[in-house]
Protein backbone atom coordinates (compact mmCIF):
# COMPACT_ATOMS: atom_id res chain seq x y z
CA UNK A 1 1.18 -56.38 2.78
CA UNK A 2 1.85 -54.97 6.17
CA UNK A 3 1.36 -50.99 6.42
CA UNK A 4 4.78 -49.57 7.42
CA UNK A 5 2.90 -46.62 9.15
CA UNK A 6 0.62 -48.88 11.10
CA UNK A 7 3.89 -50.73 12.12
CA UNK A 8 5.55 -47.61 13.46
CA UNK A 9 2.26 -46.32 15.23
CA UNK A 10 2.18 -49.92 16.91
CA UNK A 11 5.68 -49.57 17.83
CA UNK A 12 5.34 -45.91 19.21
CA UNK A 13 2.48 -47.17 21.33
CA UNK A 14 4.27 -50.14 22.99
CA UNK A 15 7.08 -47.60 23.71
CA UNK A 16 4.67 -45.22 25.37
CA UNK A 17 3.21 -48.13 27.31
CA UNK A 18 6.24 -49.31 28.58
CA UNK A 19 7.30 -45.73 29.77
CA UNK A 20 3.95 -45.37 31.48
CA UNK A 21 4.56 -48.67 33.25
CA UNK A 22 8.19 -47.56 34.31
CA UNK A 23 6.99 -44.15 35.34
CA UNK A 24 4.08 -45.56 37.60
CA UNK A 25 6.36 -48.15 39.29
CA UNK A 26 8.95 -45.76 39.96
CA UNK A 27 6.39 -43.19 41.36
CA UNK A 28 5.00 -46.13 43.78
CA UNK A 29 8.54 -46.95 44.85
CA UNK A 30 9.28 -43.36 45.56
CA UNK A 31 6.36 -43.11 47.73
CA UNK A 32 6.80 -46.34 49.81
CA UNK A 33 9.43 -44.72 52.27
CA UNK A 34 7.06 -41.93 52.87
CA UNK A 35 4.17 -44.07 53.85
CA UNK A 36 4.79 -43.67 57.81
CA UNK A 37 5.10 -39.80 57.44
CA UNK A 38 2.18 -39.18 55.24
CA UNK A 39 -1.52 -40.65 55.17
CA UNK A 40 -2.81 -42.97 52.62
CA UNK A 41 -5.22 -40.30 50.92
CA UNK A 42 -2.17 -38.05 50.19
CA UNK A 43 -0.41 -41.14 48.68
CA UNK A 44 -3.57 -41.87 46.39
CA UNK A 45 -3.61 -38.09 45.32
CA UNK A 46 -0.02 -38.30 44.49
CA UNK A 47 -0.68 -41.63 42.24
CA UNK A 48 -3.58 -39.71 40.68
CA UNK A 49 -1.39 -36.87 39.54
CA UNK A 50 1.09 -39.32 38.10
CA UNK A 51 -1.83 -41.18 36.06
CA UNK A 52 -3.00 -37.60 34.83
CA UNK A 53 0.52 -36.62 33.82
CA UNK A 54 0.85 -39.80 31.87
CA UNK A 55 -2.50 -39.29 30.16
CA UNK A 56 -1.69 -35.82 29.08
CA UNK A 57 1.71 -36.59 27.64
CA UNK A 58 1.39 -40.33 26.63
CA UNK A 59 -2.22 -40.76 25.71
CA UNK A 60 -5.21 -42.68 27.01
CA UNK A 61 -3.76 -46.21 26.65
CA UNK A 62 -0.59 -45.76 28.61
CA UNK A 63 -2.67 -43.98 31.21
CA UNK A 64 -4.97 -46.80 31.58
CA UNK A 65 -2.06 -49.26 32.07
CA UNK A 66 -0.45 -46.81 34.49
CA UNK A 67 -3.70 -46.75 36.30
CA UNK A 68 -3.78 -50.51 36.74
CA UNK A 69 0.06 -50.46 38.02
CA UNK A 70 -0.96 -47.45 40.47
CA UNK A 71 -3.96 -49.37 41.78
CA UNK A 72 -1.91 -52.59 42.23
CA UNK A 73 0.85 -50.52 43.90
CA UNK A 74 -1.48 -48.66 46.09
CA UNK A 75 -3.16 -51.70 47.44
CA UNK A 76 0.04 -53.73 47.87
CA UNK A 77 2.08 -51.17 49.64
CA UNK A 78 -0.27 -48.66 51.24
CA UNK A 79 -3.55 -50.58 52.06
CA UNK A 80 -3.41 -52.71 55.10
CA UNK A 81 -2.51 -55.48 55.36
CA UNK A 82 0.40 -54.17 53.23
CA UNK A 83 2.48 -56.50 50.98
CA UNK A 84 -0.49 -58.34 50.03
CA UNK A 85 -3.15 -57.90 47.69
CA UNK A 86 -5.89 -58.50 50.12
CA UNK A 87 -7.92 -56.00 51.97
CA UNK A 88 -9.50 -56.56 55.51
CA UNK A 89 -11.26 -53.07 56.25
CA UNK A 90 -14.37 -52.67 54.08
CA UNK A 91 -13.49 -48.88 54.30
CA UNK A 92 -10.49 -49.56 52.41
CA UNK A 93 -12.27 -51.19 49.61
CA UNK A 94 -14.30 -48.33 49.21
CA UNK A 95 -11.00 -46.24 49.02
CA UNK A 96 -9.56 -48.53 46.55
CA UNK A 97 -12.73 -48.51 44.46
CA UNK A 98 -12.88 -44.69 44.68
CA UNK A 99 -9.08 -44.14 43.59
CA UNK A 100 -9.53 -46.86 40.96
CA UNK A 101 -12.54 -44.95 39.32
CA UNK A 102 -11.03 -41.62 39.81
CA UNK A 103 -7.79 -42.76 38.31
CA UNK A 104 -9.50 -44.25 35.33
CA UNK A 105 -11.98 -41.25 34.73
CA UNK A 106 -9.33 -38.72 35.43
CA UNK A 107 -6.82 -40.53 32.99
CA UNK A 108 -9.55 -40.74 30.07
CA UNK A 109 -10.77 -37.28 30.49
CA UNK A 110 -7.37 -35.70 30.40
CA UNK A 111 -6.32 -38.11 27.37
CA UNK A 112 -9.54 -36.76 25.71
CA UNK A 113 -8.80 -33.31 26.25
CA UNK A 114 -5.32 -33.98 24.91
CA UNK A 115 -6.53 -35.38 21.85
CA UNK A 116 -8.94 -32.47 21.34
CA UNK A 117 -5.98 -30.19 21.84
CA UNK A 118 -3.98 -32.08 19.35
CA UNK A 119 -6.86 -32.02 16.75
CA UNK A 120 -7.27 -28.25 17.22
CA UNK A 121 -3.64 -27.51 16.85
CA UNK A 122 -3.77 -29.73 13.66
CA UNK A 123 -6.77 -27.73 12.48
CA UNK A 124 -4.99 -24.60 13.19
CA UNK A 125 -2.05 -25.46 11.29
CA UNK A 126 -4.06 -26.73 8.45
CA UNK A 127 -6.08 -23.46 8.43
CA UNK A 128 -2.71 -21.63 8.49
CA UNK A 129 -1.44 -23.53 5.57
CA UNK A 130 -4.59 -23.00 3.61
CA UNK A 131 -4.48 -19.28 4.45
CA UNK A 132 -0.74 -19.11 3.29
CA UNK A 133 -1.64 -21.04 0.10
CA UNK A 134 -4.60 -18.49 -0.46
CA UNK A 135 -2.47 -15.58 0.23
CA UNK A 136 0.12 -16.76 -2.03
CA UNK A 137 -2.46 -17.49 -4.59
CA UNK A 138 -4.00 -14.12 -4.06
CA UNK A 139 -0.48 -12.38 -4.23
CA UNK A 140 0.32 -14.21 -7.64
CA UNK A 141 -2.97 -13.19 -9.00
CA UNK A 142 -2.41 -9.66 -7.70
CA UNK A 143 0.92 -9.44 -9.17
CA UNK A 144 -0.33 -10.72 -12.47
CA UNK A 145 -3.19 -8.16 -12.46
CA UNK A 146 -0.69 -5.36 -11.41
CA UNK A 147 1.72 -6.49 -14.30
CA UNK A 148 -1.24 -6.51 -16.67
CA UNK A 149 -2.37 -3.09 -15.60
CA UNK A 150 1.16 -1.87 -15.70
CA UNK A 151 1.56 -3.22 -19.45
CA UNK A 152 -1.79 -1.55 -20.29
CA UNK A 153 -0.80 1.85 -18.80
CA UNK A 154 2.61 1.52 -20.51
CA UNK A 155 0.87 0.75 -23.92
CA UNK A 156 -1.56 3.65 -23.56
CA UNK A 157 1.33 5.81 -22.32
CA UNK A 158 3.42 4.70 -25.37
CA UNK A 159 0.60 5.62 -27.66
CA UNK A 160 0.07 9.03 -26.23
CA UNK A 161 3.84 9.92 -26.32
CA UNK A 162 4.21 8.42 -30.02
CA UNK A 163 1.13 10.53 -30.99
CA UNK A 164 2.07 13.82 -28.96
CA UNK A 165 5.63 13.68 -29.94
CA UNK A 166 5.04 12.95 -33.74
CA UNK A 167 2.66 15.90 -34.10
CA UNK A 168 5.39 18.88 -33.44
CA UNK A 169 8.00 16.67 -35.12
CA UNK A 170 5.73 16.35 -38.31
CA UNK A 171 5.21 20.14 -38.37
CA UNK A 172 9.01 20.89 -37.71
CA UNK A 173 9.84 18.21 -40.64
CA UNK A 174 7.09 19.76 -42.98
CA UNK A 175 8.69 23.43 -42.44
CA UNK A 176 12.18 22.23 -42.76
CA UNK A 177 11.16 20.21 -46.05
CA UNK A 178 9.49 23.42 -47.49
CA UNK A 179 12.63 25.61 -46.80
CA UNK A 180 15.00 23.12 -47.92
CA UNK A 181 13.22 22.61 -51.31
CA UNK A 182 12.90 26.09 -51.84
CA UNK A 183 16.51 26.67 -51.33
CA UNK A 184 17.39 23.90 -53.55
CA UNK A 185 15.24 25.24 -56.39
CA UNK A 186 16.52 28.78 -55.88
CA UNK A 187 12.95 29.84 -55.32
CA UNK A 188 12.12 32.94 -53.16
CA UNK A 189 9.26 31.93 -51.08
CA UNK A 190 9.02 35.48 -49.64
CA UNK A 191 9.79 36.99 -46.20
CA UNK A 192 6.43 36.54 -44.92
CA UNK A 193 6.03 32.61 -45.43
CA UNK A 194 9.61 32.14 -44.27
CA UNK A 195 9.02 34.07 -41.21
CA UNK A 196 5.83 31.83 -40.65
CA UNK A 197 7.71 28.67 -41.29
CA UNK A 198 10.48 29.55 -38.86
CA UNK A 199 8.00 30.72 -36.39
CA UNK A 200 6.03 27.35 -36.89
CA UNK A 201 9.28 25.54 -36.23
CA UNK A 202 10.20 27.83 -33.11
CA UNK A 203 6.75 27.13 -31.70
CA UNK A 204 6.62 23.20 -32.51
CA UNK A 205 10.21 23.08 -30.96
CA UNK A 206 9.03 24.82 -27.86
CA UNK A 207 5.99 22.47 -27.78
CA UNK A 208 8.35 19.54 -28.01
CA UNK A 209 10.57 20.85 -25.15
CA UNK A 210 7.49 21.09 -22.86
CA UNK A 211 6.55 17.50 -23.44
CA UNK A 212 10.06 16.40 -22.83
CA UNK A 213 10.26 18.41 -19.65
CA UNK A 214 6.82 17.25 -18.46
CA UNK A 215 8.30 13.62 -18.84
CA UNK A 216 11.26 14.58 -16.85
CA UNK A 217 9.40 16.24 -14.09
CA UNK A 218 6.87 13.57 -13.83
CA UNK A 219 9.63 10.74 -13.59
CA UNK A 220 11.31 12.78 -10.76
CA UNK A 221 7.95 13.07 -8.95
CA UNK A 222 6.98 9.32 -9.48
CA UNK A 223 10.41 8.38 -8.29
CA UNK A 224 10.07 10.66 -5.06
CA UNK A 225 12.85 12.88 -6.28
CA UNK A 226 10.97 16.20 -6.19
CA UNK A 227 13.62 18.42 -4.10
CA UNK A 228 12.45 21.91 -3.40
CA UNK A 229 15.27 24.73 -3.13
CA UNK A 230 13.45 27.31 -1.01
CA UNK A 231 14.56 30.98 -0.84
CA UNK A 232 12.85 34.26 -0.13
CA UNK A 233 11.38 35.40 -3.12
CA UNK A 234 8.78 37.98 -4.59
CA UNK A 235 5.68 36.17 -6.13
CA UNK A 236 5.52 39.09 -8.41
CA UNK A 237 8.92 38.05 -9.77
CA UNK A 238 7.89 34.57 -9.88
CA UNK A 239 4.72 35.56 -12.02
CA UNK A 240 6.85 37.56 -14.29
CA UNK A 241 9.17 34.76 -15.01
CA UNK A 242 6.45 32.54 -15.78
CA UNK A 243 4.56 34.91 -18.18
CA UNK A 244 7.99 35.61 -20.03
CA UNK A 245 8.60 31.92 -20.45
CA UNK A 246 4.95 31.52 -21.94
CA UNK A 247 5.20 34.52 -24.09
CA UNK A 248 5.10 32.59 -27.35
CA UNK A 249 2.28 30.72 -26.21
CA UNK A 250 0.26 33.78 -25.20
CA UNK A 251 0.60 36.15 -27.89
CA UNK A 252 -3.13 35.49 -29.12
CA UNK A 253 -4.19 36.40 -25.76
CA UNK A 254 -4.11 39.61 -23.44
CA UNK A 255 -2.46 38.84 -19.83
CA UNK A 256 -3.52 40.96 -16.84
CA UNK A 257 -1.39 40.79 -13.78
CA UNK A 258 -2.99 41.77 -10.35
CA UNK A 259 -0.23 40.92 -7.93
CA UNK A 260 0.06 43.66 -5.40
CA UNK A 261 3.64 44.95 -4.78
CA UNK A 262 2.79 44.81 -0.97
CA UNK A 263 2.79 41.00 -0.82
CA UNK A 264 5.29 39.56 1.60
CA UNK A 265 8.25 37.83 0.42
CA UNK A 266 7.61 33.97 0.37
CA UNK A 267 9.91 31.17 1.45
CA UNK A 268 9.37 29.11 -1.83
CA UNK A 269 11.24 27.39 -4.51
CA UNK A 270 10.81 30.19 -7.19
CA UNK A 271 11.68 27.85 -10.11
CA UNK A 272 9.06 25.10 -9.23
CA UNK A 273 6.51 27.79 -8.31
CA UNK A 274 7.14 29.55 -11.60
CA UNK A 275 6.56 26.15 -13.32
CA UNK A 276 3.02 25.94 -11.54
CA UNK A 277 1.92 29.42 -12.93
CA UNK A 278 3.38 28.66 -16.34
CA UNK A 279 1.39 25.36 -16.44
CA UNK A 280 -1.77 27.30 -15.43
CA UNK A 281 -1.35 29.87 -18.06
CA UNK A 282 -0.75 27.24 -20.78
CA UNK A 283 -3.76 25.49 -19.59
CA UNK A 284 -6.00 28.78 -19.70
CA UNK A 285 -4.74 29.52 -23.08
CA UNK A 286 -5.57 26.16 -24.59
CA UNK A 287 -9.36 26.44 -23.43
CA UNK A 288 -9.85 30.23 -24.31
CA UNK A 289 -10.42 31.85 -27.64
CA UNK A 290 -8.38 34.38 -29.37
CA UNK A 291 -8.01 37.81 -28.19
CA UNK A 292 -9.58 36.67 -24.55
CA UNK A 293 -8.08 37.84 -21.35
CA UNK A 294 -6.12 35.71 -18.99
CA UNK A 295 -5.91 37.03 -15.54
CA UNK A 296 -3.54 36.11 -12.91
CA UNK A 297 -4.38 37.53 -9.13
CA UNK A 298 -2.79 37.13 -5.95
CA UNK A 299 -3.70 38.08 -2.32
CA UNK A 300 -2.69 37.45 1.11
CA UNK A 301 -5.04 35.23 3.22
CA UNK A 302 -3.83 34.95 6.77
CA UNK A 303 -0.62 33.02 6.60
CA UNK A 304 -0.87 32.11 3.10
CA UNK A 305 -0.81 33.58 -0.35
CA UNK A 306 -3.66 32.83 -2.77
CA UNK A 307 -3.06 32.86 -6.48
CA UNK A 308 -5.57 32.29 -9.26
CA UNK A 309 -5.58 32.29 -12.96
CA UNK A 310 -8.78 32.96 -14.84
CA UNK A 311 -9.54 32.53 -18.36
CA UNK A 312 -12.62 33.57 -20.49
CA UNK A 313 -13.07 30.13 -22.23
CA UNK A 314 -15.81 27.43 -21.86
CA UNK A 315 -15.09 26.72 -18.55
CA UNK A 316 -14.39 23.24 -16.67
CA UNK A 317 -17.44 20.87 -16.46
CA UNK A 318 -18.34 19.99 -12.98
CA UNK A 319 -17.47 16.31 -13.48
CA UNK A 320 -14.16 17.26 -14.63
CA UNK A 321 -13.21 19.41 -12.12
CA UNK A 322 -12.19 16.78 -9.39
CA UNK A 323 -10.04 15.01 -12.08
CA UNK A 324 -8.26 17.60 -14.02
CA UNK A 325 -5.28 17.11 -11.52
CA UNK A 326 -5.09 13.40 -12.34
CA UNK A 327 -2.02 12.05 -14.30
CA UNK A 328 -2.87 11.61 -18.17
CA UNK A 329 -6.26 12.97 -17.77
CA UNK A 330 -7.69 15.46 -20.45
CA UNK A 331 -11.05 17.04 -20.73
CA UNK A 332 -13.31 16.16 -23.48
CA UNK A 333 -13.99 19.65 -24.77
CA UNK A 334 -12.08 20.73 -28.03
CA UNK A 335 -9.19 23.08 -27.24
CA UNK A 336 -8.77 26.34 -29.03
CA UNK A 337 -5.07 26.30 -29.79
CA UNK A 338 -2.43 23.67 -30.44
CA UNK A 339 -2.33 19.94 -29.87
CA UNK A 340 -3.12 18.95 -26.25
CA UNK A 341 -0.29 17.49 -24.17
CA UNK A 342 -0.09 14.30 -22.19
CA UNK A 343 -2.52 15.56 -19.41
CA UNK A 344 0.35 15.56 -16.76
CA UNK A 345 0.86 19.40 -16.60
CA UNK A 346 -1.70 20.03 -13.73
CA UNK A 347 -0.84 16.83 -11.88
CA UNK A 348 2.80 17.99 -11.96
CA UNK A 349 1.42 21.55 -10.62
CA UNK A 350 -0.35 19.76 -7.95
CA UNK A 351 2.67 17.85 -6.74
CA UNK A 352 4.71 21.08 -6.54
CA UNK A 353 1.92 22.87 -4.58
CA UNK A 354 1.57 20.04 -2.04
CA UNK A 355 5.17 19.71 -1.78
CA UNK A 356 5.07 23.51 -0.40
CA UNK A 357 2.23 22.29 2.14
CA UNK A 358 -0.29 24.13 0.06
CA UNK A 359 -3.40 23.16 -1.98
CA UNK A 360 -4.75 23.58 -5.53
CA UNK A 361 -8.33 23.31 -6.94
CA UNK A 362 -10.82 24.32 -9.44
CA UNK A 363 -13.13 27.21 -8.40
CA UNK A 364 -17.03 26.95 -9.00
CA UNK A 365 -17.97 29.02 -12.06
CA UNK A 366 -21.01 29.29 -14.23
CA UNK A 367 -20.91 27.28 -17.32
CA UNK A 368 -19.42 29.58 -20.06
CA UNK A 369 -18.16 32.04 -17.66
CA UNK A 370 -14.53 30.70 -18.24
CA UNK A 371 -12.41 28.69 -15.61
CA UNK A 372 -10.63 29.61 -12.67
CA UNK A 373 -7.87 27.57 -10.97
CA UNK A 374 -6.40 28.43 -7.59
CA UNK A 375 -3.62 27.40 -5.48
CA UNK A 376 -2.65 28.57 -1.93
CA UNK A 377 0.75 28.06 -0.18
CA UNK A 378 2.09 29.29 3.20
CA UNK A 379 4.16 32.39 3.08
CA UNK A 380 6.87 30.53 5.17
CA UNK A 381 7.87 27.05 5.86
CA UNK A 382 6.35 24.99 8.69
CA UNK A 383 9.11 24.79 11.44
């Protein structure tokens, strides 16, 4: 059975050979009228260039055929006696031999270079194809891995959310159930117990509100929608607003505020910065015992204001100091008060501080000497 690809290749070779014969013949005929104005050597170089051109664009076999046509034409039209295939002068035999050898060698070498260039181009294209396939496979793998990690993260986050939302809801429901049963039974549970239950509902509702607010703020930050509205504000007013908001959380602690009235006004988003101080206070009370002191300090440092919140708790282990601002990271130490949050508060605080072109970090303290978290932001916006 005849191979169709082979037949096509043979036809293409026949066409290229015919083209090479035609080209060489035309070149010889074009040079004939010029033989009286240019010497034989120049005509020979012109024919050599023609053979070289054919070898580059048509291949070695067409070039070899063109070489034969060029040699015959060179002999017949340009070497005396002209219009014959005989040669009288021995020097012309040398010239014809040199021309023939040069034409053949040049044609073969150029054809070989062309083949190698073609092979190199095919190799390059094959390498690009393989690279694209590998890149595509890698991207598919990366996407699959990213999806897998995303699903794991979503699952872990959902578990955390479920647990942390269920805890205050359970307390609220238990307190409400007790009050409702007592009301239906006409029982007097006493003002003290009733007050404690109402306080529990209030505290857990506040905790629930904190969790939801943290989710909303985190979603805004992740979406790149953290927009600051800067005004000239007093840091003392910002700190007082944070303390007032955290009043119910801090009722078991003493809060000392060391913020000088002489501090300059700052070009800040007061609400956002109050959220930072509130988060640091909330973090401090969770890690420090009852009746301990939480201290807020502020001082002017060059063109910045530095704020610190210090507690008298167990402190932050050195290995945790670099990670406390990561999303969903919570230390391993047992907290003193209330169920823990999702571990996003300090990451939100970090985003807010950095949005003010500032920095936040954990101070190095001796173990058992409490923890100090600090942040520093410019007094005014950068131009």
